[in-house]
Amino acid sequence: MVRVAVVGAYMWTGRLAASLEKYAQVKCSPVSEVNLRDVLRLVSMFRARVALRVGFRPGQVRSRALVLDVICLLYILAGGKLVFYWTGSDVPRTVALLSRKGLVSWLWSKPITRLLLRKSDHCVAAPWLVSELAEIGCNAENFPFPTPTERFEESFASAPISWPHQFTVLSYVPDHNYANYCGDEIVGLANRMPNVRFRIMGGEGNWCVNRPDNLEFLGWSDALDEYRRSVVVLRAVRHDALGGTVREALLCGRYVLYTYPHECAELLPHPDNCSNFVEVVEGRLADLVARYEADQLPPNQKGFEWVKANLSERVLSINLASRWLGAPHG
């Protein structure tokens, strides 16, 4: 069995390790939260011939980042293969870091970042991140992140779809980053479309001053249940990786509106490049509402079938392991 070190951002490492072990015959060790107590576990990565560094950008001046950068550099010098797996916001933050001024940047952040990037391979979780990394001289390949999909696949396949009694739009907006996820624009849509229910996962809406009656904040809730209660999933985001919400929604037969190109989803304009973004989204939703009310809106079967064949957790895990980790094809 192939042994791989998976290190980096806490949320990503555990998920990726579980998927690779389940579907791609890969033994993942260590999976690190990159805290100081993990130093000994990180050192064990020298037993692995390949290390995936997931969602954790280089050059940061804080204890756990310094530890990870130093160990990754020593790992490369010892002959190990380091692969950066970029997941989203880590890309523009690294681009910004390399243009930053200051003594600390000059002495540490920029030199260590450039060295690690030059000595490593790179893969990204969304195709548009390839061009963003190219701005700083990194050649990358696109490999969407293998988030769990079995539960969503089985849900659509095992039971006939039933739409909610009221046309419902589901979105994801975390409180700490609501502007990136078009929180204000969604509030505007809810005000303009009072006969449509808007439900938001991932936050309590503490940033929303005047919440319309048809807008509900769900906090952290069961995603599958929320997809079942919706007709459309609106992924309106200024910067993104390949959102797992889009994949899951399509596997549940829902219609998806997305500000990035994705098979079987309807492309929206970028909110920063469209002066009437809210009006445009309203028009797209109004068309779907009309079909829904006329009982002429079937489930998104095409989206379900395409994602299952191309973006399932099993398919993505095997593809990633085959390309970067020397694991056998499934």
C-alpha atoms as a PDB file:
ATOM      1  CA  MET A   1       0.000   0.000   0.000  1.00  0.00           C
ATOM      2  CA  VAL A   2       1.292   3.473  -0.935  1.00  0.00           C
ATOM      3  CA  ARG A   3       2.179   5.668   2.077  1.00  0.00           C
ATOM      4  CA  VAL A   4       1.481   9.378   1.778  1.00  0.00           C
ATOM      5  CA  ALA A   5       1.896  12.244   4.223  1.00  0.00           C
ATOM      6  CA  VAL A   6      -1.115  14.563   4.309  1.00  0.00           C
ATOM      7  CA  VAL A   7      -0.418  17.843   6.099  1.00  0.00           C
ATOM      8  CA  GLY A   8      -1.924  21.306   6.202  1.00  0.00           C
ATOM      9  CA  ALA A   9      -5.248  22.899   7.056  1.00  0.00           C
ATOM     10  CA  TYR A  10      -7.214  20.905   9.606  1.00  0.00           C
ATOM     11  CA  MET A  11     -10.556  20.821   7.794  1.00  0.00           C
ATOM     12  CA  TRP A  12      -9.042  19.573   4.537  1.00  0.00           C
ATOM     13  CA  THR A  13      -6.477  17.033   5.715  1.00  0.00           C
ATOM     14  CA  GLY A  14      -8.849  14.721   7.559  1.00  0.00           C
ATOM     15  CA  ARG A  15     -11.355  14.663   4.723  1.00  0.00           C
ATOM     16  CA  LEU A  16      -8.744  14.008   2.063  1.00  0.00           C
ATOM     17  CA  ALA A  17      -6.992  11.280   4.045  1.00  0.00           C
ATOM     18  CA  ALA A  18     -10.269   9.465   4.641  1.00  0.00           C
ATOM     19  CA  SER A  19     -11.174   9.566   0.939  1.00  0.00           C
ATOM     20  CA  LEU A  20      -7.759   8.395  -0.271  1.00  0.00           C
ATOM     21  CA  GLU A  21      -7.668   5.497   2.171  1.00  0.00           C
ATOM     22  CA  LYS A  22     -11.230   4.428   1.353  1.00  0.00           C
ATOM     23  CA  TYR A  23     -11.082   4.536  -2.428  1.00  0.00           C
ATOM     24  CA  ALA A  24      -7.457   4.671  -3.621  1.00  0.00           C
ATOM     25  CA  GLN A  25      -5.549   2.125  -1.506  1.00  0.00           C
ATOM     26  CA  VAL A  26      -3.425   4.865   0.042  1.00  0.00           C
ATOM     27  CA  LYS A  27      -2.142   4.835   3.626  1.00  0.00           C
ATOM     28  CA  CYS A  28      -2.152   8.418   4.865  1.00  0.00           C
ATOM     29  CA  SER A  29       0.231   9.388   7.642  1.00  0.00           C
ATOM     30  CA  PRO A  30       0.402  11.768   9.345  1.00  0.00           C
ATOM     31  CA  VAL A  31      -2.741  13.861   9.169  1.00  0.00           C
ATOM     32  CA  SER A  32      -1.741  17.008  11.022  1.00  0.00           C
ATOM     33  CA  GLU A  33      -3.550  19.974  12.477  1.00  0.00           C
ATOM     34  CA  VAL A  34      -0.197  21.773  12.222  1.00  0.00           C
ATOM     35  CA  ASN A  35      -0.094  22.728  15.874  1.00  0.00           C
ATOM     36  CA  LEU A  36       3.161  22.744  17.823  1.00  0.00           C
ATOM     37  CA  ARG A  37       2.217  19.459  19.489  1.00  0.00           C
ATOM     38  CA  ASP A  38       2.214  17.890  16.030  1.00  0.00           C
ATOM     39  CA  VAL A  39       5.921  18.455  15.405  1.00  0.00           C
ATOM     40  CA  LEU A  40       6.851  14.836  16.150  1.00  0.00           C
ATOM     41  CA  ARG A  41       4.038  13.571  13.929  1.00  0.00           C
ATOM     42  CA  LEU A  42       5.159  15.916  11.171  1.00  0.00           C
ATOM     43  CA  VAL A  43       8.682  14.569  11.332  1.00  0.00           C
ATOM     44  CA  SER A  44       7.283  11.130  10.527  1.00  0.00           C
ATOM     45  CA  MET A  45       6.409  12.464   7.065  1.00  0.00           C
ATOM     46  CA  PHE A  46      10.018  11.665   6.102  1.00  0.00           C
ATOM     47  CA  ARG A  47       8.919   8.005   5.907  1.00  0.00           C
ATOM     48  CA  ALA A  48       6.584   8.895   3.040  1.00  0.00           C
ATOM     49  CA  ARG A  49       7.914   9.455  -0.458  1.00  0.00           C
ATOM     50  CA  VAL A  50       5.077  11.853  -1.319  1.00  0.00           C
ATOM     51  CA  ALA A  51       3.571  14.590   0.852  1.00  0.00           C
ATOM     52  CA  LEU A  52       0.369  16.476   0.062  1.00  0.00           C
ATOM     53  CA  ARG A  53       0.241  19.937   1.596  1.00  0.00           C
ATOM     54  CA  VAL A  54      -3.445  20.815   1.594  1.00  0.00           C
ATOM     55  CA  GLY A  55      -4.972  24.286   1.774  1.00  0.00           C
ATOM     56  CA  PHE A  56      -2.131  25.815   3.798  1.00  0.00           C
ATOM     57  CA  ARG A  57      -0.204  28.619   2.131  1.00  0.00           C
ATOM     58  CA  PRO A  58       3.534  29.170   2.708  1.00  0.00           C
ATOM     59  CA  GLY A  59       5.316  32.184   4.133  1.00  0.00           C
ATOM     60  CA  GLN A  60       3.067  32.940   7.101  1.00  0.00           C
ATOM     61  CA  VAL A  61       4.748  34.346  10.196  1.00  0.00           C
ATOM     62  CA  ARG A  62       3.119  32.377  12.998  1.00  0.00           C
ATOM     63  CA  SER A  63       4.369  29.406  14.964  1.00  0.00           C
ATOM     64  CA  ARG A  64       2.570  26.534  13.250  1.00  0.00           C
ATOM     65  CA  ALA A  65       3.221  27.973   9.790  1.00  0.00           C
ATOM     66  CA  LEU A  66       6.915  28.407  10.505  1.00  0.00           C
ATOM     67  CA  VAL A  67       7.146  24.806  11.709  1.00  0.00           C
ATOM     68  CA  LEU A  68       5.387  23.458   8.634  1.00  0.00           C
ATOM     69  CA  ASP A  69       7.468  25.505   6.195  1.00  0.00           C
ATOM     70  CA  VAL A  70      10.758  24.414   7.769  1.00  0.00           C
ATOM     71  CA  ILE A  71       9.805  20.727   7.852  1.00  0.00           C
ATOM     72  CA  CYS A  72       8.522  20.845   4.273  1.00  0.00           C
ATOM     73  CA  LEU A  73      11.773  22.423   3.131  1.00  0.00           C
ATOM     74  CA  LEU A  74      13.841  19.759   4.936  1.00  0.00           C
ATOM     75  CA  TYR A  75      11.594  17.079   3.445  1.00  0.00           C
ATOM     76  CA  ILE A  76      12.299  18.370  -0.071  1.00  0.00           C
ATOM     77  CA  LEU A  77      16.043  18.581   0.592  1.00  0.00           C
ATOM     78  CA  ALA A  78      15.940  14.954   1.797  1.00  0.00           C
ATOM     79  CA  GLY A  79      14.523  13.892  -1.571  1.00  0.00           C
ATOM     80  CA  GLY A  80      10.805  13.844  -0.814  1.00  0.00           C
ATOM     81  CA  LYS A  81       8.161  14.910  -3.305  1.00  0.00           C
ATOM     82  CA  LEU A  82       5.984  17.761  -2.008  1.00  0.00           C
ATOM     83  CA  VAL A  83       2.709  18.528  -3.757  1.00  0.00           C
ATOM     84  CA  PHE A  84       0.809  21.687  -2.874  1.00  0.00           C
ATOM     85  CA  TYR A  85      -2.936  21.079  -3.106  1.00  0.00           C
ATOM     86  CA  TRP A  86      -4.484  24.532  -3.416  1.00  0.00           C
ATOM     87  CA  THR A  87      -8.112  24.729  -2.297  1.00  0.00           C
ATOM     88  CA  GLY A  88      -9.280  28.313  -2.844  1.00  0.00           C
ATOM     89  CA  SER A  89      -8.454  31.449  -0.850  1.00  0.00           C
ATOM     90  CA  ASP A  90      -4.906  30.202  -0.227  1.00  0.00           C
ATOM     91  CA  VAL A  91      -4.102  31.138  -3.848  1.00  0.00           C
ATOM     92  CA  PRO A  92      -4.926  34.891  -3.841  1.00  0.00           C
ATOM     93  CA  ARG A  93      -3.431  35.227  -0.364  1.00  0.00           C
ATOM     94  CA  THR A  94      -0.141  33.777  -1.600  1.00  0.00           C
ATOM     95  CA  VAL A  95      -0.193  36.057  -4.637  1.00  0.00           C
ATOM     96  CA  ALA A  96      -0.746  39.017  -2.296  1.00  0.00           C
ATOM     97  CA  LEU A  97       2.042  37.882   0.039  1.00  0.00           C
ATOM     98  CA  LEU A  98       4.597  37.930  -2.781  1.00  0.00           C
ATOM     99  CA  SER A  99       3.782  41.564  -3.531  1.00  0.00           C
ATOM    100  CA  ARG A 100       3.924  42.647   0.110  1.00  0.00           C
ATOM    101  CA  LYS A 101       6.611  45.039   1.358  1.00  0.00           C
ATOM    102  CA  GLY A 102       8.369  45.045   4.700  1.00  0.00           C
ATOM    103  CA  LEU A 103      11.423  43.650   6.450  1.00  0.00           C
ATOM    104  CA  VAL A 104       9.794  40.392   7.568  1.00  0.00           C
ATOM    105  CA  SER A 105       8.529  39.713   4.068  1.00  0.00           C
ATOM    106  CA  TRP A 106      11.935  40.397   2.587  1.00  0.00           C
ATOM    107  CA  LEU A 107      13.845  38.284   5.135  1.00  0.00           C
ATOM    108  CA  TRP A 108      11.497  35.299   5.419  1.00  0.00           C
ATOM    109  CA  SER A 109       8.048  35.225   3.800  1.00  0.00           C
ATOM    110  CA  LYS A 110       9.038  35.889   0.207  1.00  0.00           C
ATOM    111  CA  PRO A 111      12.243  33.773   0.106  1.00  0.00           C
ATOM    112  CA  ILE A 112      10.692  30.697   1.758  1.00  0.00           C
ATOM    113  CA  THR A 113       7.537  30.968  -0.349  1.00  0.00           C
ATOM    114  CA  ARG A 114       9.422  31.225  -3.620  1.00  0.00           C
ATOM    115  CA  LEU A 115      11.742  28.375  -2.663  1.00  0.00           C
ATOM    116  CA  LEU A 116       8.939  26.018  -1.621  1.00  0.00           C
ATOM    117  CA  LEU A 117       6.859  26.840  -4.678  1.00  0.00           C
ATOM    118  CA  ARG A 118       9.784  26.303  -7.031  1.00  0.00           C
ATOM    119  CA  LYS A 119      10.773  22.964  -5.490  1.00  0.00           C
ATOM    120  CA  SER A 120       7.235  21.535  -5.356  1.00  0.00           C
ATOM    121  CA  ASP A 121       4.514  20.296  -7.668  1.00  0.00           C
ATOM    122  CA  HIS A 122       1.077  21.902  -7.672  1.00  0.00           C
ATOM    123  CA  CYS A 123      -2.510  20.811  -8.104  1.00  0.00           C
ATOM    124  CA  VAL A 124      -5.634  22.888  -7.595  1.00  0.00           C
ATOM    125  CA  ALA A 125      -9.226  22.200  -6.625  1.00  0.00           C
ATOM    126  CA  ALA A 126     -10.780  24.283  -9.427  1.00  0.00           C
ATOM    127  CA  PRO A 127      -9.749  25.025 -13.035  1.00  0.00           C
ATOM    128  CA  TRP A 128      -9.658  28.824 -12.658  1.00  0.00           C
ATOM    129  CA  LEU A 129      -7.026  28.507  -9.919  1.00  0.00           C
ATOM    130  CA  VAL A 130      -4.585  27.260 -12.580  1.00  0.00           C
ATOM    131  CA  SER A 131      -4.373  30.703 -14.188  1.00  0.00           C
ATOM    132  CA  GLU A 132      -4.238  32.437 -10.792  1.00  0.00           C
ATOM    133  CA  LEU A 133      -1.189  30.384  -9.800  1.00  0.00           C
ATOM    134  CA  ALA A 134       0.397  31.017 -13.187  1.00  0.00           C
ATOM    135  CA  GLU A 135       0.648  34.690 -12.171  1.00  0.00           C
ATOM    136  CA  ILE A 136       3.373  33.701  -9.686  1.00  0.00           C
ATOM    137  CA  GLY A 137       5.095  31.214 -11.982  1.00  0.00           C
ATOM    138  CA  CYS A 138       3.492  27.960 -10.778  1.00  0.00           C
ATOM    139  CA  ASN A 139       2.348  25.353 -13.261  1.00  0.00           C
ATOM    140  CA  ALA A 140      -0.640  23.516 -11.766  1.00  0.00           C
ATOM    141  CA  GLU A 141      -3.130  20.829 -12.760  1.00  0.00           C
ATOM    142  CA  ASN A 142      -6.793  20.768 -11.853  1.00  0.00           C
ATOM    143  CA  PHE A 143      -8.022  17.999  -9.532  1.00  0.00           C
ATOM    144  CA  PRO A 144     -11.319  18.808  -7.765  1.00  0.00           C
ATOM    145  CA  PHE A 145     -11.300  17.973  -4.061  1.00  0.00           C
ATOM    146  CA  PRO A 146     -12.917  14.576  -3.307  1.00  0.00           C
ATOM    147  CA  THR A 147     -15.552  15.554  -0.770  1.00  0.00           C
ATOM    148  CA  PRO A 148     -17.956  12.781   0.377  1.00  0.00           C
ATOM    149  CA  THR A 149     -20.736  12.159  -2.137  1.00  0.00           C
ATOM    150  CA  GLU A 150     -22.172   8.681  -1.463  1.00  0.00           C
ATOM    151  CA  ARG A 151     -24.971   9.921   0.768  1.00  0.00           C
ATOM    152  CA  PHE A 152     -26.159  12.419  -1.833  1.00  0.00           C
ATOM    153  CA  GLU A 153     -25.926   9.933  -4.705  1.00  0.00           C
ATOM    154  CA  GLU A 154     -27.977   7.370  -2.801  1.00  0.00           C
ATOM    155  CA  SER A 155     -30.604   9.908  -1.787  1.00  0.00           C
ATOM    156  CA  PHE A 156     -31.483  10.868  -5.352  1.00  0.00           C
ATOM    157  CA  ALA A 157     -31.254   7.344  -6.716  1.00  0.00           C
ATOM    158  CA  SER A 158     -33.340   5.646  -4.009  1.00  0.00           C
ATOM    159  CA  ALA A 159     -36.429   7.861  -3.828  1.00  0.00           C
ATOM    160  CA  PRO A 160     -38.497   9.926  -6.294  1.00  0.00           C
ATOM    161  CA  ILE A 161     -37.925  13.648  -6.025  1.00  0.00           C
ATOM    162  CA  SER A 162     -40.584  15.900  -4.537  1.00  0.00           C
ATOM    163  CA  TRP A 163     -40.366  19.671  -4.664  1.00  0.00           C
ATOM    164  CA  PRO A 164     -41.246  21.778  -1.602  1.00  0.00           C
ATOM    165  CA  HIS A 165     -44.687  23.454  -1.471  1.00  0.00           C
ATOM    166  CA  GLN A 166     -43.086  26.877  -1.997  1.00  0.00           C
ATOM    167  CA  PHE A 167     -40.313  27.670  -4.458  1.00  0.00           C
ATOM    168  CA  THR A 168     -37.200  27.661  -2.276  1.00  0.00           C
ATOM    169  CA  VAL A 169     -33.668  28.910  -2.934  1.00  0.00           C
ATOM    170  CA  LEU A 170     -30.819  27.562  -0.806  1.00  0.00           C
ATOM    171  CA  SER A 171     -27.461  29.327  -0.376  1.00  0.00           C
ATOM    172  CA  TYR A 172     -24.336  29.032   1.729  1.00  0.00           C
ATOM    173  CA  VAL A 173     -23.099  32.192   3.476  1.00  0.00           C
ATOM    174  CA  PRO A 174     -20.650  31.981   6.415  1.00  0.00           C
ATOM    175  CA  ASP A 175     -20.955  34.918   8.799  1.00  0.00           C
ATOM    176  CA  HIS A 176     -17.225  35.667   8.873  1.00  0.00           C
ATOM    177  CA  ASN A 177     -17.015  36.043   5.086  1.00  0.00           C
ATOM    178  CA  TYR A 178     -20.511  37.037   4.032  1.00  0.00           C
ATOM    179  CA  ALA A 179     -19.354  39.644   1.501  1.00  0.00           C
ATOM    180  CA  ASN A 180     -17.443  37.046  -0.539  1.00  0.00           C
ATOM    181  CA  TYR A 181     -20.559  34.858  -0.580  1.00  0.00           C
ATOM    182  CA  CYS A 182     -22.789  37.722  -1.754  1.00  0.00           C
ATOM    183  CA  GLY A 183     -24.735  37.998   1.478  1.00  0.00           C
ATOM    184  CA  ASP A 184     -26.002  41.521   0.777  1.00  0.00           C
ATOM    185  CA  GLU A 185     -26.994  40.561  -2.762  1.00  0.00           C
ATOM    186  CA  ILE A 186     -29.026  37.595  -1.499  1.00  0.00           C
ATOM    187  CA  VAL A 187     -30.828  39.862   0.958  1.00  0.00           C
ATOM    188  CA  GLY A 188     -31.589  42.130  -1.978  1.00  0.00           C
ATOM    189  CA  LEU A 189     -33.006  39.197  -3.931  1.00  0.00           C
ATOM    190  CA  ALA A 190     -35.222  38.194  -1.024  1.00  0.00           C
ATOM    191  CA  ASN A 191     -36.592  41.731  -0.832  1.00  0.00           C
ATOM    192  CA  ARG A 192     -37.341  41.749  -4.550  1.00  0.00           C
ATOM    193  CA  MET A 193     -38.927  38.250  -4.589  1.00  0.00           C
ATOM    194  CA  PRO A 194     -41.227  38.040  -1.532  1.00  0.00           C
ATOM    195  CA  ASN A 195     -43.020  34.939  -2.860  1.00  0.00           C
ATOM    196  CA  VAL A 196     -39.788  32.926  -2.902  1.00  0.00           C
ATOM    197  CA  ARG A 197     -38.268  31.367   0.221  1.00  0.00           C
ATOM    198  CA  PHE A 198     -34.551  31.966   0.731  1.00  0.00           C
ATOM    199  CA  ARG A 199     -32.689  29.732   3.171  1.00  0.00           C
ATOM    200  CA  ILE A 200     -29.021  30.197   4.073  1.00  0.00           C
ATOM    201  CA  MET A 201     -26.727  27.507   5.460  1.00  0.00           C
ATOM    202  CA  GLY A 202     -23.459  28.082   7.270  1.00  0.00           C
ATOM    203  CA  GLY A 203     -24.249  31.145   9.366  1.00  0.00           C
ATOM    204  CA  GLU A 204     -26.594  32.822  11.810  1.00  0.00           C
ATOM    205  CA  GLY A 205     -26.870  36.046   9.806  1.00  0.00           C
ATOM    206  CA  ASN A 206     -25.498  38.361  12.479  1.00  0.00           C
ATOM    207  CA  TRP A 207     -24.314  40.679   9.689  1.00  0.00           C
ATOM    208  CA  CYS A 208     -27.867  41.094   8.306  1.00  0.00           C
ATOM    209  CA  VAL A 209     -29.467  44.241   9.765  1.00  0.00           C
ATOM    210  CA  ASN A 210     -32.942  44.157   8.206  1.00  0.00           C
ATOM    211  CA  ARG A 211     -33.841  40.543   7.466  1.00  0.00           C
ATOM    212  CA  PRO A 212     -36.870  40.108   5.166  1.00  0.00           C
ATOM    213  CA  ASP A 213     -39.558  37.673   6.322  1.00  0.00           C
ATOM    214  CA  ASN A 214     -38.874  35.224   3.477  1.00  0.00           C
ATOM    215  CA  LEU A 215     -35.183  34.855   4.406  1.00  0.00           C
ATOM    216  CA  GLU A 216     -34.095  32.315   7.021  1.00  0.00           C
ATOM    217  CA  PHE A 217     -30.619  31.652   8.421  1.00  0.00           C
ATOM    218  CA  LEU A 218     -30.074  27.993   9.282  1.00  0.00           C
ATOM    219  CA  GLY A 219     -26.652  27.975  10.923  1.00  0.00           C
ATOM    220  CA  TRP A 220     -24.956  24.595  10.635  1.00  0.00           C
ATOM    221  CA  SER A 221     -27.642  22.210   9.477  1.00  0.00           C
ATOM    222  CA  ASP A 222     -27.852  18.890   7.656  1.00  0.00           C
ATOM    223  CA  ALA A 223     -27.044  19.719   4.029  1.00  0.00           C
ATOM    224  CA  LEU A 224     -28.938  16.773   2.563  1.00  0.00           C
ATOM    225  CA  ASP A 225     -32.141  17.756   4.342  1.00  0.00           C
ATOM    226  CA  GLU A 226     -31.754  21.313   3.095  1.00  0.00           C
ATOM    227  CA  TYR A 227     -31.241  20.222  -0.513  1.00  0.00           C
ATOM    228  CA  ARG A 228     -34.460  18.212  -0.266  1.00  0.00           C
ATOM    229  CA  ARG A 229     -36.302  21.329   0.904  1.00  0.00           C
ATOM    230  CA  SER A 230     -35.029  23.427  -2.008  1.00  0.00           C
ATOM    231  CA  VAL A 231     -35.577  23.744  -5.742  1.00  0.00           C
ATOM    232  CA  VAL A 232     -32.531  25.863  -6.595  1.00  0.00           C
ATOM    233  CA  VAL A 233     -29.119  26.184  -5.004  1.00  0.00           C
ATOM    234  CA  LEU A 234     -27.590  29.618  -5.514  1.00  0.00           C
ATOM    235  CA  ARG A 235     -23.791  29.620  -5.254  1.00  0.00           C
ATOM    236  CA  ALA A 236     -23.078  33.335  -5.606  1.00  0.00           C
ATOM    237  CA  VAL A 237     -19.456  33.849  -4.638  1.00  0.00           C
ATOM    238  CA  ARG A 238     -16.731  36.302  -5.543  1.00  0.00           C
ATOM    239  CA  HIS A 239     -13.848  33.850  -5.178  1.00  0.00           C
ATOM    240  CA  ASP A 240     -14.194  30.112  -4.878  1.00  0.00           C
ATOM    241  CA  ALA A 241     -12.681  26.713  -5.312  1.00  0.00           C
ATOM    242  CA  LEU A 242     -15.015  24.147  -6.861  1.00  0.00           C
ATOM    243  CA  GLY A 243     -17.749  24.448  -4.258  1.00  0.00           C
ATOM    244  CA  GLY A 244     -18.851  21.135  -2.740  1.00  0.00           C
ATOM    245  CA  THR A 245     -22.302  22.689  -2.446  1.00  0.00           C
ATOM    246  CA  VAL A 246     -22.610  22.675  -6.248  1.00  0.00           C
ATOM    247  CA  ARG A 247     -21.613  19.017  -6.531  1.00  0.00           C
ATOM    248  CA  GLU A 248     -23.948  17.909  -3.754  1.00  0.00           C
ATOM    249  CA  ALA A 249     -26.888  19.919  -5.059  1.00  0.00           C
ATOM    250  CA  LEU A 250     -26.570  18.429  -8.531  1.00  0.00           C
ATOM    251  CA  LEU A 251     -26.353  14.934  -7.038  1.00  0.00           C
ATOM    252  CA  CYS A 252     -29.686  15.696  -5.354  1.00  0.00           C
ATOM    253  CA  GLY A 253     -31.262  16.675  -8.677  1.00  0.00           C
ATOM    254  CA  ARG A 254     -31.453  20.378  -7.866  1.00  0.00           C
ATOM    255  CA  TYR A 255     -30.909  23.296 -10.210  1.00  0.00           C
ATOM    256  CA  VAL A 256     -27.774  25.331  -9.586  1.00  0.00           C
ATOM    257  CA  LEU A 257     -26.934  28.950 -10.364  1.00  0.00           C
ATOM    258  CA  TYR A 258     -23.216  29.599 -10.003  1.00  0.00           C
ATOM    259  CA  THR A 259     -20.865  32.523 -10.546  1.00  0.00           C
ATOM    260  CA  TYR A 260     -18.202  30.140 -11.938  1.00  0.00           C
ATOM    261  CA  PRO A 261     -18.498  27.790 -14.929  1.00  0.00           C
ATOM    262  CA  HIS A 262     -19.607  24.270 -14.032  1.00  0.00           C
ATOM    263  CA  GLU A 263     -21.146  21.469 -16.065  1.00  0.00           C
ATOM    264  CA  CYS A 264     -24.954  21.249 -15.663  1.00  0.00           C
ATOM    265  CA  ALA A 265     -25.123  24.513 -13.685  1.00  0.00           C
ATOM    266  CA  GLU A 266     -26.268  27.874 -15.035  1.00  0.00           C
ATOM    267  CA  LEU A 267     -23.488  30.449 -15.182  1.00  0.00           C
ATOM    268  CA  LEU A 268     -24.094  33.795 -13.495  1.00  0.00           C
ATOM    269  CA  PRO A 269     -22.015  36.918 -14.143  1.00  0.00           C
ATOM    270  CA  HIS A 270     -19.360  37.790 -11.608  1.00  0.00           C
ATOM    271  CA  PRO A 271     -20.971  40.138  -9.063  1.00  0.00           C
ATOM    272  CA  ASP A 272     -18.090  42.627  -9.238  1.00  0.00           C
ATOM    273  CA  ASN A 273     -18.279  42.862 -13.023  1.00  0.00           C
ATOM    274  CA  CYS A 274     -22.052  43.199 -13.337  1.00  0.00           C
ATOM    275  CA  SER A 275     -23.709  46.484 -12.355  1.00  0.00           C
ATOM    276  CA  ASN A 276     -27.169  44.860 -12.132  1.00  0.00           C
ATOM    277  CA  PHE A 277     -26.187  41.511 -10.642  1.00  0.00           C
ATOM    278  CA  VAL A 278     -29.241  41.211  -8.385  1.00  0.00           C
ATOM    279  CA  GLU A 279     -31.599  41.945 -11.271  1.00  0.00           C
ATOM    280  CA  VAL A 280     -29.879  39.357 -13.481  1.00  0.00           C
ATOM    281  CA  VAL A 281     -30.182  36.644 -10.823  1.00  0.00           C
ATOM    282  CA  GLU A 282     -33.783  37.626 -10.217  1.00  0.00           C
ATOM    283  CA  GLY A 283     -34.524  37.087 -13.905  1.00  0.00           C
ATOM    284  CA  ARG A 284     -32.930  33.624 -13.907  1.00  0.00           C
ATOM    285  CA  LEU A 285     -34.888  32.644 -10.803  1.00  0.00           C
ATOM    286  CA  ALA A 286     -38.127  34.040 -12.226  1.00  0.00           C
ATOM    287  CA  ASP A 287     -37.838  31.712 -15.239  1.00  0.00           C
ATOM    288  CA  LEU A 288     -37.467  28.709 -12.949  1.00  0.00           C
ATOM    289  CA  VAL A 289     -40.340  29.897 -10.761  1.00  0.00           C
ATOM    290  CA  ALA A 290     -42.608  30.072 -13.805  1.00  0.00           C
ATOM    291  CA  ARG A 291     -41.745  26.488 -14.798  1.00  0.00           C
ATOM    292  CA  TYR A 292     -42.181  25.332 -11.208  1.00  0.00           C
ATOM    293  CA  GLU A 293     -45.627  26.918 -10.898  1.00  0.00           C
ATOM    294  CA  ALA A 294     -46.670  25.422 -14.236  1.00  0.00           C
ATOM    295  CA  ASP A 295     -45.566  21.983 -12.992  1.00  0.00           C
ATOM    296  CA  GLN A 296     -43.028  21.823 -15.828  1.00  0.00           C
ATOM    297  CA  LEU A 297     -39.819  21.651 -13.824  1.00  0.00           C
ATOM    298  CA  PRO A 298     -38.493  18.081 -13.648  1.00  0.00           C
ATOM    299  CA  PRO A 299     -35.540  17.105 -11.421  1.00  0.00           C
ATOM    300  CA  ASN A 300     -32.093  17.850 -12.801  1.00  0.00           C
ATOM    301  CA  GLN A 301     -31.382  14.289 -13.924  1.00  0.00           C
ATOM    302  CA  LYS A 302     -28.612  15.355 -16.277  1.00  0.00           C
ATOM    303  CA  GLY A 303     -26.751  17.081 -13.462  1.00  0.00           C
ATOM    304  CA  PHE A 304     -27.049  14.029 -11.226  1.00  0.00           C
ATOM    305  CA  GLU A 305     -25.700  11.643 -13.854  1.00  0.00           C
ATOM    306  CA  TRP A 306     -22.809  13.875 -14.921  1.00  0.00           C
ATOM    307  CA  VAL A 307     -21.545  14.571 -11.416  1.00  0.00           C
ATOM    308  CA  LYS A 308     -21.839  10.927 -10.388  1.00  0.00           C
ATOM    309  CA  ALA A 309     -19.735   9.864 -13.383  1.00  0.00           C
ATOM    310  CA  ASN A 310     -17.136  12.623 -13.165  1.00  0.00           C
ATOM    311  CA  LEU A 311     -17.010  14.200  -9.711  1.00  0.00           C
ATOM    312  CA  SER A 312     -17.940  11.468  -7.269  1.00  0.00           C
ATOM    313  CA  GLU A 313     -15.686  11.003  -4.246  1.00  0.00           C
ATOM    314  CA  ARG A 314     -14.521   7.651  -5.602  1.00  0.00           C
ATOM    315  CA  VAL A 315     -13.637   8.956  -9.064  1.00  0.00           C
ATOM    316  CA  LEU A 316     -11.817  12.034  -7.745  1.00  0.00           C
ATOM    317  CA  SER A 317      -9.852  10.082  -5.123  1.00  0.00           C
ATOM    318  CA  ILE A 318      -8.638   7.531  -7.652  1.00  0.00           C
ATOM    319  CA  ASN A 319      -7.723  10.216 -10.198  1.00  0.00           C
ATOM    320  CA  LEU A 320      -5.768  12.213  -7.628  1.00  0.00           C
ATOM    321  CA  ALA A 321      -3.913   9.194  -6.270  1.00  0.00           C
ATOM    322  CA  SER A 322      -3.098   7.860  -9.741  1.00  0.00           C
ATOM    323  CA  ARG A 323      -1.637  11.161 -10.910  1.00  0.00           C
ATOM    324  CA  TRP A 324       0.290  12.367  -7.868  1.00  0.00           C
ATOM    325  CA  LEU A 325       0.796   9.483  -5.496  1.00  0.00           C
ATOM    326  CA  GLY A 326       1.752   6.537  -7.695  1.00  0.00           C
ATOM    327  CA  ALA A 327      -1.282   4.579  -6.515  1.00  0.00           C
ATOM    328  CA  PRO A 328      -2.818   1.923  -8.792  1.00  0.00           C
ATOM    329  CA  HIS A 329      -5.801   2.807 -10.947  1.00  0.00           C
ATOM    330  CA  GLY A 330      -9.127   1.756  -9.415  1.00  0.00           C
END
